[in-house]
């Protein structure tokens, strides 16, 4: 059921994106710098692109920048979690060693069978 709802949702999002793309097919000029600055620096790079590509490119760039930003922001949390995980593993090993060292093996086979129950 969830799978079908997910497919319907993806289809609706795709239909909306297609509608936006068809409505914004006009060409726009994308420049590296404003014209006055470009004439001073000599960087006059410009490209004609459909408006929907500029819109979708901006959305994708924003999402990627957000992912990278969050990844850097959460580095401290991941480092702390990794450190705690290593500490828990070390303490579990230490506990297992201490349990083995303090356990007294039964001297009689009958008592060993009863303790296993």
Protein backbone atom coordinates (compact mmCIF):
# COMPACT_ATOMS: atom_id res chain seq x y z
CA UNK A 1 0.00 0.00 0.00
CA UNK A 2 2.77 2.43 0.97
CA UNK A 3 4.64 1.49 -2.20
CA UNK A 4 1.70 2.52 -4.38
CA UNK A 5 1.24 5.77 -2.47
CA UNK A 6 4.93 6.53 -2.95
CA UNK A 7 4.66 5.86 -6.70
CA UNK A 8 1.58 8.09 -6.95
CA UNK A 9 3.38 10.86 -5.06
CA UNK A 10 6.46 10.60 -7.29
CA UNK A 11 4.21 10.68 -10.35
CA UNK A 12 2.44 13.82 -9.12
CA UNK A 13 5.75 15.56 -8.38
CA UNK A 14 7.01 14.61 -11.84
CA UNK A 15 3.84 15.96 -13.42
CA UNK A 16 4.22 19.25 -11.53
CA UNK A 17 7.86 19.56 -12.62
CA UNK A 18 6.90 18.84 -16.22
CA UNK A 19 4.19 21.52 -16.05
CA UNK A 20 6.67 24.08 -14.68
CA UNK A 21 9.17 23.13 -17.39
CA UNK A 22 6.63 23.53 -20.19
CA UNK A 23 5.41 26.86 -18.81
CA UNK A 24 8.97 28.29 -18.58
CA UNK A 25 10.57 27.32 -21.89
CA UNK A 26 11.68 30.84 -22.78
CA UNK A 27 15.40 31.50 -23.11
CA UNK A 28 17.17 33.69 -20.57
CA UNK A 29 20.72 34.97 -20.59
CA UNK A 30 22.82 33.67 -17.70
CA UNK A 31 25.99 35.70 -17.10
CA UNK A 32 28.93 35.11 -14.80
CA UNK A 33 29.11 38.80 -13.77
CA UNK A 34 26.96 41.89 -14.35
CA UNK A 35 27.76 43.63 -17.66
CA UNK A 36 29.60 46.61 -16.08
CA UNK A 37 31.83 44.37 -13.96
CA UNK A 38 32.40 41.96 -16.82
CA UNK A 39 33.70 44.73 -19.06
CA UNK A 40 36.18 45.79 -16.36
CA UNK A 41 37.48 42.31 -15.57
CA UNK A 42 37.24 40.80 -19.03
CA UNK A 43 35.08 37.90 -17.84
CA UNK A 44 32.20 38.16 -20.29
CA UNK A 45 30.98 34.59 -20.06
CA UNK A 46 27.26 34.28 -20.87
CA UNK A 47 24.93 31.47 -21.89
CA UNK A 48 21.37 31.26 -23.15
CA UNK A 49 19.35 28.66 -21.24
CA UNK A 50 15.66 27.84 -20.88
CA UNK A 51 14.25 29.36 -17.71
CA UNK A 52 13.16 26.00 -16.29
CA UNK A 53 16.78 24.76 -16.38
CA UNK A 54 17.87 27.80 -14.41
CA UNK A 55 15.08 27.22 -11.87
CA UNK A 56 15.74 23.48 -11.51
CA UNK A 57 19.51 24.07 -11.39
CA UNK A 58 19.04 26.55 -8.54
CA UNK A 59 16.86 24.11 -6.62
CA UNK A 60 19.35 21.26 -7.07
CA UNK A 61 22.30 23.49 -6.11
CA UNK A 62 20.46 24.64 -2.98
CA UNK A 63 19.66 21.08 -1.93
CA UNK A 64 23.27 19.97 -2.45
CA UNK A 65 24.65 22.95 -0.52
CA UNK A 66 22.19 22.19 2.30
CA UNK A 67 23.26 18.53 2.45
CA UNK A 68 26.94 19.45 2.59
CA UNK A 69 26.29 22.16 5.20
CA UNK A 70 24.40 19.74 7.45
CA UNK A 71 27.06 17.07 6.99
CA UNK A 72 29.74 19.48 8.25
CA UNK A 73 27.48 20.78 11.03
CA UNK A 74 26.78 17.29 12.38
CA UNK A 75 30.43 16.18 12.35
CA UNK A 76 30.73 16.73 16.11
CA UNK A 77 27.67 14.57 16.81
CA UNK A 78 28.97 11.75 14.60
CA UNK A 79 32.42 11.90 16.22
CA UNK A 80 30.90 11.73 19.71
CA UNK A 81 28.64 8.82 18.75
CA UNK A 82 31.59 6.92 17.28
CA UNK A 83 33.66 7.52 20.41
CA UNK A 84 30.81 6.34 22.66
CA UNK A 85 30.30 3.26 20.50
CA UNK A 86 33.97 2.32 20.81
CA UNK A 87 33.78 2.86 24.58
CA UNK A 88 30.69 0.64 24.88
CA UNK A 89 32.42 -2.10 22.89
CA UNK A 90 35.50 -1.87 25.11
CA UNK A 91 33.38 -2.00 28.29
CA UNK A 92 31.39 -4.99 27.02
CA UNK A 93 34.62 -6.88 26.35
CA UNK A 94 35.90 -5.95 29.81
CA UNK A 95 32.64 -7.11 31.39
CA UNK A 96 32.83 -10.45 29.57
CA UNK A 97 36.40 -10.96 30.81
CA UNK A 98 35.40 -10.11 34.39
CA UNK A 99 32.42 -12.47 34.28
CA UNK A 100 34.63 -15.30 33.05
CA UNK A 101 37.24 -14.57 35.73
CA UNK A 102 34.75 -14.53 38.61
CA UNK A 103 32.68 -17.52 37.58
CA UNK A 104 33.57 -20.68 39.49
CA UNK A 105 33.20 -23.83 37.46
CA UNK A 106 31.04 -26.47 39.15
CA UNK A 107 32.95 -29.40 40.57
CA UNK A 108 30.30 -31.96 39.87
CA UNK A 109 28.72 -32.80 36.50
CA UNK A 110 25.29 -33.15 38.09
CA UNK A 111 25.51 -29.65 39.55
CA UNK A 112 26.62 -28.30 36.17
CA UNK A 113 23.55 -29.81 34.51
CA UNK A 114 21.27 -28.34 37.18
CA UNK A 115 22.80 -24.87 36.81
CA UNK A 116 22.21 -24.89 33.05
CA UNK A 117 18.47 -25.16 33.67
